[in-house]
């Protein structure tokens, strides 16, 4: 049995798209001190660079704040004061 086509055809498989950063979620860590104050450390990502070997270089700042404990409780571990 022979399979054939009326017309010859060719196609190309596209290369995989380049990996890029799709989104950045800034993080907050909150620490309650025994004297009632709250320490909040916010991580601000400035830049993310991917290299050819699969590594990632991340530039960031950590911004600390010390404040009075808020009157509204923080219920969820991932919820922060807005």
PDB file of N, CA and C in Angstrom:
ATOM      1  N   UNK A   1       0.848  -1.161   0.000  1.00  0.00           N
ATOM      2  CA  UNK A   1       0.000   0.000   0.000  1.00  0.00           C
ATOM      3  C   UNK A   1       0.898   1.229   0.000  1.00  0.00           C
ATOM      4  N   UNK A   2       0.572   2.205  -0.780  1.00  0.00           N
ATOM      5  CA  UNK A   2       1.364   3.414  -0.906  1.00  0.00           C
ATOM      6  C   UNK A   2       0.489   4.620  -0.609  1.00  0.00           C
ATOM      7  N   UNK A   3       1.036   5.532   0.204  1.00  0.00           N
ATOM      8  CA  UNK A   3       0.319   6.782   0.474  1.00  0.00           C
ATOM      9  C   UNK A   3       1.016   7.882  -0.294  1.00  0.00           C
ATOM     10  N   UNK A   4       0.270   8.753  -0.871  1.00  0.00           N
ATOM     11  CA  UNK A   4       0.857   9.855  -1.613  1.00  0.00           C
ATOM     12  C   UNK A   4      -0.025  11.086  -1.524  1.00  0.00           C
ATOM     13  N   UNK A   5       0.532  12.201  -1.912  1.00  0.00           N
ATOM     14  CA  UNK A   5      -0.203  13.461  -1.913  1.00  0.00           C
ATOM     15  C   UNK A   5      -0.168  13.999  -3.327  1.00  0.00           C
ATOM     16  N   UNK A   6      -1.208  14.718  -3.664  1.00  0.00           N
ATOM     17  CA  UNK A   6      -1.273  15.298  -5.003  1.00  0.00           C
ATOM     18  C   UNK A   6      -0.225  16.392  -5.147  1.00  0.00           C
ATOM     19  N   UNK A   7      -0.082  17.241  -4.101  1.00  0.00           N
ATOM     20  CA  UNK A   7       0.903  18.320  -4.154  1.00  0.00           C
ATOM     21  C   UNK A   7       1.871  18.155  -2.989  1.00  0.00           C
ATOM     22  N   UNK A   8       3.121  18.491  -3.245  1.00  0.00           N
ATOM     23  CA  UNK A   8       4.111  18.478  -2.181  1.00  0.00           C
ATOM     24  C   UNK A   8       3.850  19.644  -1.235  1.00  0.00           C
ATOM     25  N   UNK A   9       4.181  19.475   0.008  1.00  0.00           N
ATOM     26  CA  UNK A   9       4.011  20.570   0.962  1.00  0.00           C
ATOM     27  C   UNK A   9       5.154  20.522   1.964  1.00  0.00           C
ATOM     28  N   UNK A  10       5.363  21.637   2.602  1.00  0.00           N
ATOM     29  CA  UNK A  10       6.368  21.708   3.661  1.00  0.00           C
ATOM     30  C   UNK A  10       5.842  22.631   4.755  1.00  0.00           C
ATOM     31  N   UNK A  11       6.403  22.495   5.920  1.00  0.00           N
ATOM     32  CA  UNK A  11       6.000  23.359   7.025  1.00  0.00           C
ATOM     33  C   UNK A  11       7.184  23.520   7.970  1.00  0.00           C
ATOM     34  N   UNK A  12       7.105  24.551   8.794  1.00  0.00           N
ATOM     35  CA  UNK A  12       8.138  24.819   9.789  1.00  0.00           C
ATOM     36  C   UNK A  12       7.481  24.852  11.162  1.00  0.00           C
ATOM     37  N   UNK A  13       8.147  24.274  12.108  1.00  0.00           N
ATOM     38  CA  UNK A  13       7.683  24.357  13.486  1.00  0.00           C
ATOM     39  C   UNK A  13       8.368  25.564  14.107  1.00  0.00           C
ATOM     40  N   UNK A  14       7.577  26.462  14.628  1.00  0.00           N
ATOM     41  CA  UNK A  14       8.121  27.692  15.200  1.00  0.00           C
ATOM     42  C   UNK A  14       8.942  27.385  16.446  1.00  0.00           C
ATOM     43  N   UNK A  15       9.954  28.189  16.652  1.00  0.00           N
ATOM     44  CA  UNK A  15      10.775  28.048  17.855  1.00  0.00           C
ATOM     45  C   UNK A  15       9.947  28.425  19.073  1.00  0.00           C
ATOM     46  N   UNK A  16      10.313  27.878  20.201  1.00  0.00           N
ATOM     47  CA  UNK A  16       9.599  28.206  21.438  1.00  0.00           C
ATOM     48  C   UNK A  16       9.757  29.696  21.729  1.00  0.00           C
ATOM     49  N   UNK A  17       8.700  30.348  22.175  1.00  0.00           N
ATOM     50  CA  UNK A  17       8.810  31.783  22.470  1.00  0.00           C
ATOM     51  C   UNK A  17       9.778  32.020  23.630  1.00  0.00           C
ATOM     52  N   UNK A  18      10.402  33.173  23.611  1.00  0.00           N
ATOM     53  CA  UNK A  18      11.345  33.515  24.673  1.00  0.00           C
ATOM     54  C   UNK A  18      10.596  33.646  25.996  1.00  0.00           C
ATOM     55  N   UNK A  19      11.213  33.164  27.055  1.00  0.00           N
ATOM     56  CA  UNK A  19      10.604  33.276  28.381  1.00  0.00           C
ATOM     57  C   UNK A  19      10.790  34.700  28.872  1.00  0.00           C
ATOM     58  N   UNK A  20       9.726  35.266  29.418  1.00  0.00           N
ATOM     59  CA  UNK A  20       9.794  36.623  29.951  1.00  0.00           C
ATOM     60  C   UNK A  20       9.015  36.669  31.252  1.00  0.00           C
ATOM     61  N   UNK A  21       9.230  37.709  32.009  1.00  0.00           N
ATOM     62  CA  UNK A  21       8.519  37.875  33.271  1.00  0.00           C
ATOM     63  C   UNK A  21       7.115  38.355  32.955  1.00  0.00           C
ATOM     64  N   UNK A  22       6.123  37.617  33.405  1.00  0.00           N
ATOM     65  CA  UNK A  22       4.733  37.963  33.120  1.00  0.00           C
ATOM     66  C   UNK A  22       4.147  38.868  34.196  1.00  0.00           C
ATOM     67  N   UNK A  23       4.541  38.686  35.442  1.00  0.00           N
ATOM     68  CA  UNK A  23       4.029  39.542  36.510  1.00  0.00           C
ATOM     69  C   UNK A  23       4.930  39.425  37.728  1.00  0.00           C
ATOM     70  N   UNK A  24       4.847  40.425  38.582  1.00  0.00           N
ATOM     71  CA  UNK A  24       5.592  40.440  39.839  1.00  0.00           C
ATOM     72  C   UNK A  24       4.605  40.799  40.940  1.00  0.00           C
ATOM     73  N   UNK A  25       4.564  40.003  41.989  1.00  0.00           N
ATOM     74  CA  UNK A  25       3.712  40.301  43.136  1.00  0.00           C
ATOM     75  C   UNK A  25       4.624  40.720  44.277  1.00  0.00           C
ATOM     76  N   UNK A  26       4.505  41.969  44.685  1.00  0.00           N
ATOM     77  CA  UNK A  26       5.323  42.488  45.772  1.00  0.00           C
ATOM     78  C   UNK A  26       4.857  41.873  47.081  1.00  0.00           C
ATOM     79  N   UNK A  27       5.797  41.553  47.946  1.00  0.00           N
ATOM     80  CA  UNK A  27       5.458  40.877  49.192  1.00  0.00           C
ATOM     81  C   UNK A  27       5.616  41.766  50.409  1.00  0.00           C
ATOM     82  N   UNK A  28       4.853  41.445  51.442  1.00  0.00           N
ATOM     83  CA  UNK A  28       4.915  42.164  52.706  1.00  0.00           C
ATOM     84  C   UNK A  28       5.034  41.145  53.829  1.00  0.00           C
ATOM     85  N   UNK A  29       5.970  41.389  54.741  1.00  0.00           N
ATOM     86  CA  UNK A  29       6.083  40.578  55.951  1.00  0.00           C
ATOM     87  C   UNK A  29       5.793  41.490  57.128  1.00  0.00           C
ATOM     88  N   UNK A  30       4.895  41.052  58.002  1.00  0.00           N
ATOM     89  CA  UNK A  30       4.533  41.857  59.166  1.00  0.00           C
ATOM     90  C   UNK A  30       4.881  41.092  60.435  1.00  0.00           C
ATOM     91  N   UNK A  31       5.571  41.775  61.353  1.00  0.00           N
ATOM     92  CA  UNK A  31       6.009  41.180  62.612  1.00  0.00           C
ATOM     93  C   UNK A  31       5.447  42.032  63.740  1.00  0.00           C
ATOM     94  N   UNK A  32       4.735  41.404  64.670  1.00  0.00           N
ATOM     95  CA  UNK A  32       4.198  42.116  65.827  1.00  0.00           C
ATOM     96  C   UNK A  32       5.183  41.988  66.981  1.00  0.00           C
ATOM     97  N   UNK A  33       5.561  43.136  67.558  1.00  0.00           N
ATOM     98  CA  UNK A  33       6.474  43.149  68.696  1.00  0.00           C
ATOM     99  C   UNK A  33       5.679  43.088  69.996  1.00  0.00           C
ATOM    100  N   UNK A  34       6.328  42.658  71.065  1.00  0.00           N
ATOM    101  CA  UNK A  34       5.635  42.502  72.350  1.00  0.00           C
ATOM    102  C   UNK A  34       5.171  43.832  72.934  1.00  0.00           C
ATOM    103  N   UNK A  35       5.750  44.960  72.506  1.00  0.00           N
ATOM    104  CA  UNK A  35       5.314  46.267  73.018  1.00  0.00           C
ATOM    105  C   UNK A  35       4.141  46.839  72.227  1.00  0.00           C
ATOM    106  N   UNK A  36       3.584  46.054  71.289  1.00  0.00           N
ATOM    107  CA  UNK A  36       2.404  46.495  70.548  1.00  0.00           C
ATOM    108  C   UNK A  36       2.698  47.117  69.198  1.00  0.00           C
ATOM    109  N   UNK A  37       3.960  47.311  68.882  1.00  0.00           N
ATOM    110  CA  UNK A  37       4.277  47.887  67.574  1.00  0.00           C
ATOM    111  C   UNK A  37       4.301  46.803  66.510  1.00  0.00           C
ATOM    112  N   UNK A  38       4.160  47.254  65.263  1.00  0.00           N
ATOM    113  CA  UNK A  38       4.176  46.359  64.111  1.00  0.00           C
ATOM    114  C   UNK A  38       5.355  46.736  63.230  1.00  0.00           C
ATOM    115  N   UNK A  39       6.161  45.767  62.846  1.00  0.00           N
ATOM    116  CA  UNK A  39       7.255  45.988  61.898  1.00  0.00           C
ATOM    117  C   UNK A  39       6.803  45.400  60.575  1.00  0.00           C
ATOM    118  N   UNK A  40       6.825  46.221  59.547  1.00  0.00           N
ATOM    119  CA  UNK A  40       6.418  45.777  58.214  1.00  0.00           C
ATOM    120  C   UNK A  40       7.609  45.920  57.279  1.00  0.00           C
ATOM    121  N   UNK A  41       7.961  44.841  56.604  1.00  0.00           N
ATOM    122  CA  UNK A  41       9.044  44.855  55.618  1.00  0.00           C
ATOM    123  C   UNK A  41       8.427  44.560  54.254  1.00  0.00           C
ATOM    124  N   UNK A  42       8.548  45.516  53.349  1.00  0.00           N
ATOM    125  CA  UNK A  42       7.977  45.382  52.014  1.00  0.00           C
ATOM    126  C   UNK A  42       9.097  45.120  51.017  1.00  0.00           C
ATOM    127  N   UNK A  43       8.922  44.103  50.193  1.00  0.00           N
ATOM    128  CA  UNK A  43       9.890  43.760  49.156  1.00  0.00           C
ATOM    129  C   UNK A  43       9.420  44.370  47.841  1.00  0.00           C
ATOM    130  N   UNK A  44      10.234  45.270  47.275  1.00  0.00           N
ATOM    131  CA  UNK A  44       9.930  45.882  45.982  1.00  0.00           C
ATOM    132  C   UNK A  44      10.920  45.358  44.950  1.00  0.00           C
ATOM    133  N   UNK A  45      10.436  44.603  43.990  1.00  0.00           N
ATOM    134  CA  UNK A  45      11.283  44.070  42.921  1.00  0.00           C
ATOM    135  C   UNK A  45      11.502  45.175  41.895  1.00  0.00           C
ATOM    136  N   UNK A  46      12.772  45.497  41.623  1.00  0.00           N
ATOM    137  CA  UNK A  46      13.100  46.547  40.665  1.00  0.00           C
ATOM    138  C   UNK A  46      13.306  46.001  39.265  1.00  0.00           C
ATOM    139  N   UNK A  47      13.949  44.821  39.173  1.00  0.00           N
ATOM    140  CA  UNK A  47      14.287  44.297  37.858  1.00  0.00           C
ATOM    141  C   UNK A  47      14.473  42.786  37.949  1.00  0.00           C
ATOM    142  N   UNK A  48      14.080  42.089  36.895  1.00  0.00           N
ATOM    143  CA  UNK A  48      14.280  40.647  36.789  1.00  0.00           C
ATOM    144  C   UNK A  48      14.917  40.379  35.435  1.00  0.00           C
ATOM    145  N   UNK A  49      16.071  39.719  35.443  1.00  0.00           N
ATOM    146  CA  UNK A  49      16.760  39.395  34.194  1.00  0.00           C
ATOM    147  C   UNK A  49      16.961  37.890  34.122  1.00  0.00           C
ATOM    148  N   UNK A  50      16.591  37.315  33.001  1.00  0.00           N
ATOM    149  CA  UNK A  50      16.790  35.891  32.761  1.00  0.00           C
ATOM    150  C   UNK A  50      18.032  35.732  31.895  1.00  0.00           C
ATOM    151  N   UNK A  51      18.888  34.757  32.218  1.00  0.00           N
ATOM    152  CA  UNK A  51      20.054  34.545  31.365  1.00  0.00           C
ATOM    153  C   UNK A  51      19.905  33.246  30.585  1.00  0.00           C
ATOM    154  N   UNK A  52      20.787  33.048  29.636  1.00  0.00           N
ATOM    155  CA  UNK A  52      20.681  31.912  28.713  1.00  0.00           C
ATOM    156  C   UNK A  52      20.839  30.560  29.407  1.00  0.00           C
ATOM    157  N   UNK A  53      21.533  30.527  30.537  1.00  0.00           N
ATOM    158  CA  UNK A  53      21.741  29.261  31.236  1.00  0.00           C
ATOM    159  C   UNK A  53      20.547  28.879  32.112  1.00  0.00           C
ATOM    160  N   UNK A  54      19.501  29.676  32.101  1.00  0.00           N
ATOM    161  CA  UNK A  54      18.316  29.376  32.897  1.00  0.00           C
ATOM    162  C   UNK A  54      18.309  30.024  34.265  1.00  0.00           C
ATOM    163  N   UNK A  55      19.303  30.821  34.549  1.00  0.00           N
ATOM    164  CA  UNK A  55      19.359  31.505  35.840  1.00  0.00           C
ATOM    165  C   UNK A  55      18.529  32.777  35.835  1.00  0.00           C
ATOM    166  N   UNK A  56      18.295  33.294  37.016  1.00  0.00           N
ATOM    167  CA  UNK A  56      17.504  34.514  37.176  1.00  0.00           C
ATOM    168  C   UNK A  56      18.269  35.465  38.088  1.00  0.00           C
ATOM    169  N   UNK A  57      18.390  36.732  37.672  1.00  0.00           N
ATOM    170  CA  UNK A  57      18.997  37.770  38.502  1.00  0.00           C
ATOM    171  C   UNK A  57      17.889  38.736  38.890  1.00  0.00           C
ATOM    172  N   UNK A  58      17.686  38.933  40.192  1.00  0.00           N
ATOM    173  CA  UNK A  58      16.609  39.791  40.681  1.00  0.00           C
ATOM    174  C   UNK A  58      17.219  40.938  41.477  1.00  0.00           C
ATOM    175  N   UNK A  59      16.864  42.178  41.101  1.00  0.00           N
ATOM    176  CA  UNK A  59      17.258  43.360  41.865  1.00  0.00           C
ATOM    177  C   UNK A  59      16.047  43.802  42.675  1.00  0.00           C
ATOM    178  N   UNK A  60      16.260  44.080  43.966  1.00  0.00           N
ATOM    179  CA  UNK A  60      15.121  44.441  44.807  1.00  0.00           C
ATOM    180  C   UNK A  60      15.557  45.357  45.943  1.00  0.00           C
ATOM    181  N   UNK A  61      14.578  46.021  46.558  1.00  0.00           N
ATOM    182  CA  UNK A  61      14.763  46.824  47.759  1.00  0.00           C
ATOM    183  C   UNK A  61      13.855  46.266  48.839  1.00  0.00           C
ATOM    184  N   UNK A  62      14.320  46.302  50.086  1.00  0.00           N
ATOM    185  CA  UNK A  62      13.476  45.970  51.234  1.00  0.00           C
ATOM    186  C   UNK A  62      13.246  47.272  51.988  1.00  0.00           C
ATOM    187  N   UNK A  63      11.973  47.630  52.164  1.00  0.00           N
ATOM    188  CA  UNK A  63      11.613  48.879  52.819  1.00  0.00           C
ATOM    189  C   UNK A  63      10.956  48.556  54.159  1.00  0.00           C
ATOM    190  N   UNK A  64      11.654  48.826  55.277  1.00  0.00           N
ATOM    191  CA  UNK A  64      11.076  48.536  56.589  1.00  0.00           C
ATOM    192  C   UNK A  64      10.300  49.730  57.143  1.00  0.00           C
ATOM    193  N   UNK A  65       9.240  49.450  57.885  1.00  0.00           N
ATOM    194  CA  UNK A  65       8.455  50.476  58.574  1.00  0.00           C
ATOM    195  C   UNK A  65       8.145  49.953  59.973  1.00  0.00           C
ATOM    196  N   UNK A  66       8.153  50.842  60.961  1.00  0.00           N
ATOM    197  CA  UNK A  66       7.714  50.495  62.312  1.00  0.00           C
ATOM    198  C   UNK A  66       6.513  51.371  62.605  1.00  0.00           C
ATOM    199  N   UNK A  67       5.406  50.760  63.038  1.00  0.00           N
ATOM    200  CA  UNK A  67       4.161  51.505  63.261  1.00  0.00           C
ATOM    201  C   UNK A  67       3.411  50.906  64.438  1.00  0.00           C
ATOM    202  N   UNK A  68       2.411  51.625  64.892  1.00  0.00           N
ATOM    203  CA  UNK A  68       1.535  51.101  65.940  1.00  0.00           C
ATOM    204  C   UNK A  68       0.700  49.972  65.346  1.00  0.00           C
ATOM    205  N   UNK A  69       0.355  48.994  66.168  1.00  0.00           N
ATOM    206  CA  UNK A  69      -0.474  47.880  65.699  1.00  0.00           C
ATOM    207  C   UNK A  69      -1.828  48.423  65.261  1.00  0.00           C
ATOM    208  N   UNK A  70      -2.322  48.032  64.096  1.00  0.00           N
ATOM    209  CA  UNK A  70      -3.600  48.556  63.606  1.00  0.00           C
ATOM    210  C   UNK A  70      -4.773  48.080  64.467  1.00  0.00           C
ATOM    211  N   UNK A  71      -5.830  48.883  64.482  1.00  0.00           N
ATOM    212  CA  UNK A  71      -7.017  48.516  65.262  1.00  0.00           C
ATOM    213  C   UNK A  71      -7.807  47.404  64.587  1.00  0.00           C
ATOM    214  N   UNK A  72      -7.658  47.270  63.278  1.00  0.00           N
ATOM    215  CA  UNK A  72      -8.345  46.212  62.536  1.00  0.00           C
ATOM    216  C   UNK A  72      -7.427  44.995  62.493  1.00  0.00           C
ATOM    217  N   UNK A  73      -7.878  43.840  62.979  1.00  0.00           N
ATOM    218  CA  UNK A  73      -7.006  42.661  62.973  1.00  0.00           C
ATOM    219  C   UNK A  73      -6.741  42.135  61.566  1.00  0.00           C
ATOM    220  N   UNK A  74      -5.578  41.547  61.406  1.00  0.00           N
ATOM    221  CA  UNK A  74      -5.224  40.907  60.145  1.00  0.00           C
ATOM    222  C   UNK A  74      -5.643  39.450  60.269  1.00  0.00           C
ATOM    223  N   UNK A  75      -6.598  39.022  59.447  1.00  0.00           N
ATOM    224  CA  UNK A  75      -7.198  37.704  59.605  1.00  0.00           C
ATOM    225  C   UNK A  75      -6.460  36.605  58.868  1.00  0.00           C
ATOM    226  N   UNK A  76      -6.086  36.845  57.644  1.00  0.00           N
ATOM    227  CA  UNK A  76      -5.469  35.811  56.813  1.00  0.00           C
ATOM    228  C   UNK A  76      -3.963  36.006  56.797  1.00  0.00           C
ATOM    229  N   UNK A  77      -3.221  34.942  56.724  1.00  0.00           N
ATOM    230  CA  UNK A  77      -1.767  35.019  56.724  1.00  0.00           C
ATOM    231  C   UNK A  77      -1.246  35.778  55.507  1.00  0.00           C
ATOM    232  N   UNK A  78      -1.997  35.793  54.397  1.00  0.00           N
ATOM    233  CA  UNK A  78      -1.556  36.485  53.182  1.00  0.00           C
ATOM    234  C   UNK A  78      -2.184  37.866  53.038  1.00  0.00           C
ATOM    235  N   UNK A  79      -3.017  38.258  53.966  1.00  0.00           N
ATOM    236  CA  UNK A  79      -3.683  39.549  53.879  1.00  0.00           C
ATOM    237  C   UNK A  79      -2.810  40.592  54.559  1.00  0.00           C
ATOM    238  N   UNK A  80      -2.746  41.789  54.003  1.00  0.00           N
ATOM    239  CA  UNK A  80      -1.932  42.857  54.574  1.00  0.00           C
ATOM    240  C   UNK A  80      -2.789  44.084  54.807  1.00  0.00           C
ATOM    241  N   UNK A  81      -2.262  45.011  55.588  1.00  0.00           N
ATOM    242  CA  UNK A  81      -2.960  46.268  55.841  1.00  0.00           C
ATOM    243  C   UNK A  81      -2.950  47.081  54.557  1.00  0.00           C
ATOM    244  N   UNK A  82      -4.068  47.635  54.186  1.00  0.00           N
ATOM    245  CA  UNK A  82      -4.146  48.432  52.962  1.00  0.00           C
ATOM    246  C   UNK A  82      -4.286  49.899  53.289  1.00  0.00           C
TER     247      UNK A  82
END
